[in-house]
Every structure is written in structure tokens, then in C-alpha cells.
C-alpha atoms as a PDB file:
ATOM      1  CA  UNK A   1      33.508  19.541 -38.697  1.00  0.00           C
ATOM      2  CA  UNK A   2      30.249  21.368 -39.581  1.00  0.00           C
ATOM      3  CA  UNK A   3      30.529  24.291 -41.957  1.00  0.00           C
ATOM      4  CA  UNK A   4      30.864  27.819 -40.568  1.00  0.00           C
ATOM      5  CA  UNK A   5      27.408  28.581 -41.996  1.00  0.00           C
ATOM      6  CA  UNK A   6      25.984  26.885 -38.886  1.00  0.00           C
ATOM      7  CA  UNK A   7      26.152  30.066 -36.852  1.00  0.00           C
ATOM      8  CA  UNK A   8      23.942  32.029 -34.487  1.00  0.00           C
ATOM      9  CA  UNK A   9      20.904  32.343 -36.751  1.00  0.00           C
ATOM     10  CA  UNK A  10      20.567  28.562 -36.966  1.00  0.00           C
ATOM     11  CA  UNK A  11      21.078  27.602 -33.344  1.00  0.00           C
ATOM     12  CA  UNK A  12      17.883  26.794 -31.454  1.00  0.00           C
ATOM     13  CA  UNK A  13      16.833  29.757 -29.314  1.00  0.00           C
ATOM     14  CA  UNK A  14      15.572  27.328 -26.681  1.00  0.00           C
ATOM     15  CA  UNK A  15      18.995  25.687 -26.513  1.00  0.00           C
ATOM     16  CA  UNK A  16      20.690  29.073 -26.158  1.00  0.00           C
ATOM     17  CA  UNK A  17      18.296  30.108 -23.387  1.00  0.00           C
ATOM     18  CA  UNK A  18      18.923  26.886 -21.465  1.00  0.00           C
ATOM     19  CA  UNK A  19      22.697  27.325 -21.726  1.00  0.00           C
ATOM     20  CA  UNK A  20      22.542  30.922 -20.521  1.00  0.00           C
ATOM     21  CA  UNK A  21      20.392  29.882 -17.567  1.00  0.00           C
ATOM     22  CA  UNK A  22      22.857  27.081 -16.863  1.00  0.00           C
ATOM     23  CA  UNK A  23      25.712  29.595 -16.807  1.00  0.00           C
ATOM     24  CA  UNK A  24      23.855  31.907 -14.424  1.00  0.00           C
ATOM     25  CA  UNK A  25      23.037  29.166 -11.905  1.00  0.00           C
ATOM     26  CA  UNK A  26      26.252  27.138 -12.107  1.00  0.00           C
ATOM     27  CA  UNK A  27      28.877  29.862 -12.406  1.00  0.00           C
ATOM     28  CA  UNK A  28      27.047  32.729 -10.681  1.00  0.00           C
ATOM     29  CA  UNK A  29      27.446  34.933 -13.756  1.00  0.00           C
ATOM     30  CA  UNK A  30      25.744  38.318 -13.835  1.00  0.00           C
ATOM     31  CA  UNK A  31      23.955  38.400 -17.186  1.00  0.00           C
ATOM     32  CA  UNK A  32      21.853  41.281 -18.476  1.00  0.00           C
ATOM     33  CA  UNK A  33      18.793  40.747 -20.613  1.00  0.00           C
ATOM     34  CA  UNK A  34      19.666  39.909 -24.203  1.00  0.00           C
ATOM     35  CA  UNK A  35      16.416  41.580 -25.356  1.00  0.00           C
ATOM     36  CA  UNK A  36      17.572  45.202 -24.971  1.00  0.00           C
ATOM     37  CA  UNK A  37      21.260  45.393 -24.116  1.00  0.00           C
ATOM     38  CA  UNK A  38      23.038  48.716 -23.713  1.00  0.00           C
ATOM     39  CA  UNK A  39      25.985  47.321 -25.690  1.00  0.00           C
ATOM     40  CA  UNK A  40      25.235  45.121 -28.695  1.00  0.00           C
ATOM     41  CA  UNK A  41      27.770  42.302 -28.983  1.00  0.00           C
ATOM     42  CA  UNK A  42      28.181  39.900 -31.896  1.00  0.00           C
ATOM     43  CA  UNK A  43      30.700  37.300 -33.043  1.00  0.00           C
ATOM     44  CA  UNK A  44      31.812  36.563 -36.604  1.00  0.00           C
ATOM     45  CA  UNK A  45      31.082  32.904 -35.836  1.00  0.00           C
ATOM     46  CA  UNK A  46      29.686  30.999 -32.863  1.00  0.00           C
ATOM     47  CA  UNK A  47      31.463  27.828 -34.024  1.00  0.00           C
ATOM     48  CA  UNK A  48      35.235  27.857 -34.322  1.00  0.00           C
ATOM     49  CA  UNK A  49      38.322  25.701 -33.970  1.00  0.00           C
ATOM     50  CA  UNK A  50      41.268  26.254 -31.652  1.00  0.00           C
ATOM     51  CA  UNK A  51      43.493  29.167 -32.708  1.00  0.00           C
ATOM     52  CA  UNK A  52      41.052  30.208 -35.451  1.00  0.00           C
ATOM     53  CA  UNK A  53      40.695  34.017 -35.681  1.00  0.00           C
ATOM     54  CA  UNK A  54      37.315  35.243 -34.405  1.00  0.00           C
ATOM     55  CA  UNK A  55      36.011  38.793 -34.556  1.00  0.00           C
ATOM     56  CA  UNK A  56      33.880  40.327 -31.826  1.00  0.00           C
ATOM     57  CA  UNK A  57      32.117  43.633 -32.470  1.00  0.00           C
ATOM     58  CA  UNK A  58      30.697  45.705 -29.611  1.00  0.00           C
ATOM     59  CA  UNK A  59      28.630  48.797 -30.416  1.00  0.00           C
ATOM     60  CA  UNK A  60      26.631  51.478 -28.588  1.00  0.00           C
ATOM     61  CA  UNK A  61      24.660  54.609 -29.475  1.00  0.00           C
ATOM     62  CA  UNK A  62      27.092  57.303 -28.360  1.00  0.00           C
ATOM     63  CA  UNK A  63      25.748  60.800 -27.632  1.00  0.00           C
ATOM     64  CA  UNK A  64      28.096  63.766 -27.835  1.00  0.00           C
ATOM     65  CA  UNK A  65      30.032  64.237 -24.620  1.00  0.00           C
ATOM     66  CA  UNK A  66      30.455  60.568 -23.706  1.00  0.00           C
ATOM     67  CA  UNK A  67      33.888  58.952 -23.485  1.00  0.00           C
ATOM     68  CA  UNK A  68      34.601  55.223 -23.088  1.00  0.00           C
ATOM     69  CA  UNK A  69      37.197  54.744 -20.365  1.00  0.00           C
ATOM     70  CA  UNK A  70      37.286  50.957 -19.941  1.00  0.00           C
ATOM     71  CA  UNK A  71      35.984  47.909 -21.810  1.00  0.00           C
ATOM     72  CA  UNK A  72      35.881  44.712 -19.733  1.00  0.00           C
ATOM     73  CA  UNK A  73      35.331  41.121 -20.845  1.00  0.00           C
ATOM     74  CA  UNK A  74      34.242  38.361 -18.484  1.00  0.00           C
ATOM     75  CA  UNK A  75      35.280  35.134 -20.235  1.00  0.00           C
ATOM     76  CA  UNK A  76      34.040  31.891 -18.696  1.00  0.00           C
ATOM     77  CA  UNK A  77      34.386  28.311 -19.871  1.00  0.00           C
ATOM     78  CA  UNK A  78      31.165  26.406 -19.165  1.00  0.00           C
ATOM     79  CA  UNK A  79      31.857  23.176 -21.050  1.00  0.00           C
ATOM     80  CA  UNK A  80      34.378  21.024 -22.854  1.00  0.00           C
ATOM     81  CA  UNK A  81      34.554  19.389 -26.247  1.00  0.00           C
ATOM     82  CA  UNK A  82      34.956  15.628 -25.791  1.00  0.00           C
ATOM     83  CA  UNK A  83      37.241  14.462 -28.579  1.00  0.00           C
ATOM     84  CA  UNK A  84      36.218  10.786 -28.349  1.00  0.00           C
ATOM     85  CA  UNK A  85      32.455  11.366 -28.252  1.00  0.00           C
ATOM     86  CA  UNK A  86      32.803  14.309 -30.658  1.00  0.00           C
ATOM     87  CA  UNK A  87      30.335  16.454 -28.774  1.00  0.00           C
ATOM     88  CA  UNK A  88      30.233  19.355 -26.351  1.00  0.00           C
ATOM     89  CA  UNK A  89      29.594  18.641 -22.678  1.00  0.00           C
ATOM     90  CA  UNK A  90      28.295  21.337 -20.339  1.00  0.00           C
ATOM     91  CA  UNK A  91      30.226  21.159 -17.071  1.00  0.00           C
ATOM     92  CA  UNK A  92      29.201  21.834 -13.495  1.00  0.00           C
ATOM     93  CA  UNK A  93      32.688  22.073 -12.003  1.00  0.00           C
ATOM     94  CA  UNK A  94      34.351  25.362 -11.119  1.00  0.00           C
ATOM     95  CA  UNK A  95      37.661  24.024 -12.492  1.00  0.00           C
ATOM     96  CA  UNK A  96      36.539  25.280 -15.910  1.00  0.00           C
ATOM     97  CA  UNK A  97      36.463  28.921 -14.822  1.00  0.00           C
ATOM     98  CA  UNK A  98      39.369  30.988 -16.047  1.00  0.00           C
ATOM     99  CA  UNK A  99      39.238  30.808 -19.827  1.00  0.00           C
ATOM    100  CA  UNK A 100      42.302  31.666 -21.886  1.00  0.00           C
ATOM    101  CA  UNK A 101      41.699  33.992 -24.818  1.00  0.00           C
ATOM    102  CA  UNK A 102      44.416  35.387 -27.077  1.00  0.00           C
ATOM    103  CA  UNK A 103      43.657  38.918 -28.276  1.00  0.00           C
ATOM    104  CA  UNK A 104      40.564  39.627 -26.161  1.00  0.00           C
ATOM    105  CA  UNK A 105      41.744  41.426 -23.014  1.00  0.00           C
ATOM    106  CA  UNK A 106      39.959  41.055 -19.662  1.00  0.00           C
ATOM    107  CA  UNK A 107      40.218  44.829 -19.390  1.00  0.00           C
ATOM    108  CA  UNK A 108      41.102  47.502 -21.959  1.00  0.00           C
ATOM    109  CA  UNK A 109      41.635  50.986 -20.563  1.00  0.00           C
ATOM    110  CA  UNK A 110      42.208  54.300 -22.322  1.00  0.00           C
ATOM    111  CA  UNK A 111      43.060  57.168 -19.943  1.00  0.00           C
ATOM    112  CA  UNK A 112      41.915  59.688 -22.553  1.00  0.00           C
ATOM    113  CA  UNK A 113      39.208  57.488 -24.005  1.00  0.00           C
ATOM    114  CA  UNK A 114      39.174  54.352 -26.160  1.00  0.00           C
ATOM    115  CA  UNK A 115      39.068  54.940 -29.911  1.00  0.00           C
ATOM    116  CA  UNK A 116      35.828  53.780 -31.536  1.00  0.00           C
ATOM    117  CA  UNK A 117      34.702  53.380 -35.142  1.00  0.00           C
ATOM    118  CA  UNK A 118      31.391  54.718 -36.419  1.00  0.00           C
ATOM    119  CA  UNK A 119      29.224  52.067 -38.059  1.00  0.00           C
ATOM    120  CA  UNK A 120      25.513  52.785 -38.715  1.00  0.00           C
ATOM    121  CA  UNK A 121      22.715  54.909 -37.242  1.00  0.00           C
ATOM    122  CA  UNK A 122      25.082  56.872 -35.069  1.00  0.00           C
ATOM    123  CA  UNK A 123      26.419  53.793 -33.301  1.00  0.00           C
ATOM    124  CA  UNK A 124      30.095  53.574 -32.416  1.00  0.00           C
ATOM    125  CA  UNK A 125      31.870  50.242 -32.214  1.00  0.00           C
ATOM    126  CA  UNK A 126      35.005  48.554 -30.955  1.00  0.00           C
ATOM    127  CA  UNK A 127      36.284  45.414 -32.667  1.00  0.00           C
ATOM    128  CA  UNK A 128      38.723  42.789 -31.401  1.00  0.00           C
ATOM    129  CA  UNK A 129      40.193  39.781 -33.207  1.00  0.00           C
ATOM    130  CA  UNK A 130      41.009  36.880 -30.909  1.00  0.00           C
ATOM    131  CA  UNK A 131      41.474  33.117 -30.729  1.00  0.00           C
ATOM    132  CA  UNK A 132      40.934  30.413 -28.117  1.00  0.00           C
ATOM    133  CA  UNK A 133      43.658  27.771 -27.668  1.00  0.00           C
ATOM    134  CA  UNK A 134      41.536  25.271 -25.704  1.00  0.00           C
ATOM    135  CA  UNK A 135      38.378  23.557 -27.032  1.00  0.00           C
ATOM    136  CA  UNK A 136      35.160  23.995 -25.087  1.00  0.00           C
ATOM    137  CA  UNK A 137      32.006  26.039 -24.624  1.00  0.00           C
ATOM    138  CA  UNK A 138      32.530  29.654 -23.583  1.00  0.00           C
ATOM    139  CA  UNK A 139      30.376  32.580 -22.582  1.00  0.00           C
ATOM    140  CA  UNK A 140      31.538  36.189 -22.981  1.00  0.00           C
ATOM    141  CA  UNK A 141      30.046  39.114 -21.078  1.00  0.00           C
ATOM    142  CA  UNK A 142      30.986  42.692 -21.909  1.00  0.00           C
ATOM    143  CA  UNK A 143      30.897  45.837 -19.784  1.00  0.00           C
ATOM    144  CA  UNK A 144      31.735  49.405 -20.826  1.00  0.00           C
ATOM    145  CA  UNK A 145      32.634  52.119 -18.328  1.00  0.00           C
ATOM    146  CA  UNK A 146      31.942  55.599 -19.689  1.00  0.00           C
ATOM    147  CA  UNK A 147      32.111  59.200 -18.576  1.00  0.00           C
ATOM    148  CA  UNK A 148      29.466  61.747 -19.546  1.00  0.00           C
ATOM    149  CA  UNK A 149      30.289  65.453 -19.554  1.00  0.00           C
ATOM    150  CA  UNK A 150      27.447  67.910 -18.889  1.00  0.00           C
ATOM    151  CA  UNK A 151      26.815  71.120 -16.999  1.00  0.00           C
ATOM    152  CA  UNK A 152      27.170  69.233 -13.708  1.00  0.00           C
ATOM    153  CA  UNK A 153      30.634  67.940 -14.581  1.00  0.00           C
ATOM    154  CA  UNK A 154      31.771  64.352 -15.206  1.00  0.00           C
ATOM    155  CA  UNK A 155      29.238  61.588 -14.553  1.00  0.00           C
ATOM    156  CA  UNK A 156      30.453  57.950 -14.600  1.00  0.00           C
ATOM    157  CA  UNK A 157      28.156  55.292 -16.003  1.00  0.00           C
ATOM    158  CA  UNK A 158      28.283  51.583 -16.878  1.00  0.00           C
ATOM    159  CA  UNK A 159      26.736  49.816 -19.853  1.00  0.00           C
ATOM    160  CA  UNK A 160      26.503  46.043 -20.177  1.00  0.00           C
ATOM    161  CA  UNK A 161      26.325  43.930 -23.305  1.00  0.00           C
ATOM    162  CA  UNK A 162      24.307  40.883 -24.266  1.00  0.00           C
ATOM    163  CA  UNK A 163      26.039  37.571 -23.489  1.00  0.00           C
ATOM    164  CA  UNK A 164      27.447  35.602 -26.434  1.00  0.00           C
ATOM    165  CA  UNK A 165      28.223  31.894 -26.601  1.00  0.00           C
ATOM    166  CA  UNK A 166      31.197  30.403 -28.420  1.00  0.00           C
ATOM    167  CA  UNK A 167      31.688  26.730 -29.320  1.00  0.00           C
ATOM    168  CA  UNK A 168      35.321  25.778 -29.964  1.00  0.00           C
ATOM    169  CA  UNK A 169      36.368  22.404 -31.395  1.00  0.00           C
ATOM    170  CA  UNK A 170      39.979  21.210 -31.550  1.00  0.00           C
ATOM    171  CA  UNK A 171      41.674  21.873 -34.876  1.00  0.00           C
ATOM    172  CA  UNK A 172      43.201  19.016 -36.849  1.00  0.00           C
ATOM    173  CA  UNK A 173      46.654  19.835 -35.493  1.00  0.00           C
ATOM    174  CA  UNK A 174      45.474  20.660 -31.954  1.00  0.00           C
ATOM    175  CA  UNK A 175      47.623  18.003 -30.223  1.00  0.00           C
ATOM    176  CA  UNK A 176      50.817  18.714 -32.161  1.00  0.00           C
ATOM    177  CA  UNK A 177      50.373  22.462 -31.912  1.00  0.00           C
ATOM    178  CA  UNK A 178      49.770  22.319 -28.153  1.00  0.00           C
ATOM    179  CA  UNK A 179      52.803  20.128 -27.640  1.00  0.00           C
ATOM    180  CA  UNK A 180      55.081  22.572 -29.499  1.00  0.00           C
ATOM    181  CA  UNK A 181      53.915  25.876 -28.052  1.00  0.00           C
ATOM    182  CA  UNK A 182      55.116  26.972 -24.640  1.00  0.00           C
ATOM    183  CA  UNK A 183      52.325  26.915 -22.076  1.00  0.00           C
ATOM    184  CA  UNK A 184      49.832  25.098 -24.303  1.00  0.00           C
ATOM    185  CA  UNK A 185      50.793  21.572 -23.251  1.00  0.00           C
ATOM    186  CA  UNK A 186      49.244  22.179 -19.833  1.00  0.00           C
ATOM    187  CA  UNK A 187      45.953  23.056 -21.496  1.00  0.00           C
ATOM    188  CA  UNK A 188      45.990  19.847 -23.537  1.00  0.00           C
ATOM    189  CA  UNK A 189      46.850  17.841 -20.417  1.00  0.00           C
ATOM    190  CA  UNK A 190      43.871  19.362 -18.595  1.00  0.00           C
ATOM    191  CA  UNK A 191      41.686  18.632 -21.613  1.00  0.00           C
ATOM    192  CA  UNK A 192      42.594  14.922 -21.466  1.00  0.00           C
ATOM    193  CA  UNK A 193      42.057  14.852 -17.698  1.00  0.00           C
ATOM    194  CA  UNK A 194      38.574  16.367 -18.014  1.00  0.00           C
ATOM    195  CA  UNK A 195      37.576  13.906 -20.727  1.00  0.00           C
ATOM    196  CA  UNK A 196      38.607  10.978 -18.511  1.00  0.00           C
ATOM    197  CA  UNK A 197      36.865  12.521 -15.504  1.00  0.00           C
ATOM    198  CA  UNK A 198      33.643  12.822 -17.448  1.00  0.00           C
ATOM    199  CA  UNK A 199      33.875   9.226 -18.697  1.00  0.00           C
ATOM    200  CA  UNK A 200      34.306   7.942 -15.131  1.00  0.00           C
ATOM    201  CA  UNK A 201      31.142   9.620 -13.767  1.00  0.00           C
ATOM    202  CA  UNK A 202      29.195  11.453 -16.481  1.00  0.00           C
ATOM    203  CA  UNK A 203      26.018  11.902 -14.423  1.00  0.00           C
ATOM    204  CA  UNK A 204      27.922  13.770 -11.720  1.00  0.00           C
ATOM    205  CA  UNK A 205      29.963  16.009 -14.010  1.00  0.00           C
ATOM    206  CA  UNK A 206      27.517  17.613 -16.388  1.00  0.00           C
ATOM    207  CA  UNK A 207      25.360  16.730 -19.361  1.00  0.00           C
ATOM    208  CA  UNK A 208      26.218  16.182 -23.022  1.00  0.00           C
ATOM    209  CA  UNK A 209      24.789  18.413 -25.719  1.00  0.00           C
ATOM    210  CA  UNK A 210      23.480  17.092 -29.030  1.00  0.00           C
ATOM    211  CA  UNK A 211      25.902  16.961 -31.923  1.00  0.00           C
ATOM    212  CA  UNK A 212      26.473  20.467 -33.261  1.00  0.00           C
ATOM    213  CA  UNK A 213      24.563  19.605 -36.434  1.00  0.00           C
ATOM    214  CA  UNK A 214      21.539  18.702 -34.300  1.00  0.00           C
ATOM    215  CA  UNK A 215      21.444  22.218 -32.824  1.00  0.00           C
ATOM    216  CA  UNK A 216      20.717  23.682 -36.253  1.00  0.00           C
ATOM    217  CA  UNK A 217      17.170  24.564 -37.127  1.00  0.00           C
ATOM    218  CA  UNK A 218      15.714  23.099 -40.345  1.00  0.00           C
ATOM    219  CA  UNK A 219      15.919  25.225 -43.476  1.00  0.00           C
END
């Protein structure tokens, strides 16, 4: 497996742009511009293995009087990792929608506001640590629902974050771990089914990506 140093800074921007466009067209995902997002979102690593802890940090400039009520995460699987070919395959089938994440809630609500941590330049952040039990290619979209208090009363507003991509390979003990844990065997069974489905008609299913090493830019 490539080292964890092969992260976002080394992945071809053209490749990332193509994958985001693919997600928009294929899965009808609402994606805001990554150039100037209201919420800045980053991952500790874009390349992980199943069940490996990953940190996601979401931050915003927070004026006085604003309260975060809800943080939502749209988590979509847009590809698989083919264990025989040892490469990621972008998928065009809706069966991949409905990604399972452990520790990253679809919706996090705080009736009296969600606690945030101050980082730099007056920005406040929320951090989650999560893992993904199934290998594949995932896209995460973030949305914050806030309330602003001013002389006119409470004003609701929504801020959206930049999309982030996550590549997850199976760990060395992926098969044995999935077989032992309740509910994970079904995910491994689906993984095998998708690999066989791709092998039977690759041109109709999706298209393979280069090896992960080939996505890295030269030093």
C-alpha cells in the first residue's frame, strides 16, 4: 500500500476535478465551488484503509451572535476498490449510494448550539474522528445550519463546505475482520459481488482509475 504521504497535495488537480464532475453528473450531488467555500473542510488523509481512524476538520469564520444548530454530512460512495486488480474503479450504478461511516454522523444537532473550537484567525472548527468499514471511493459534502441574532431577531442561514474525496483500500485483515463483526459480512459479500459484476462487463459498469501511485504528481 502507498505511504500516507501520498495525500491531497500530491493528487493531480485534473484528476480531482474529473472525479467531482463525475459525482455531480452520475449521482446528482449538489456540490458548491471548492474555490471559496463557506465552510472549509479537510481530511487528515485522503488515502486510508478500512477501519483506520480518519480526522475531518470543518471550520468557519464565526461572527459574534451566530450559533451552529446542525451539521450535516452527505456521504456517497462513487467507486469501489477492486482487490484483484488492486485499483479503484469509479462506478456508475446507484447501488453504491448509501455509504457506511462509523463516527461521522449524517446529522449532528445541538438544540442550544454545537460546541466549536477556536483555531486561527477567528475561525471556529468542529472535528470528527471516523472510519469506513468498506473499501471504495467516497465523496463527503458538509452543510452547516446556523442562526444569527440581530436587532431583527433570529435569522436562519445555511453554509456549505467544499467537497472532499476519500480513497479507502481494504486492510490486511479486512476479510477476517468483516467475517467476525456483526453486520460487516454483508458489506464484504457486496464487495465481492461488485468485483465480479465489474469483471463481467467493465465497459458498462464504470471506468478504472490509474494505480494510486500514478495519481501522485512528481516531486
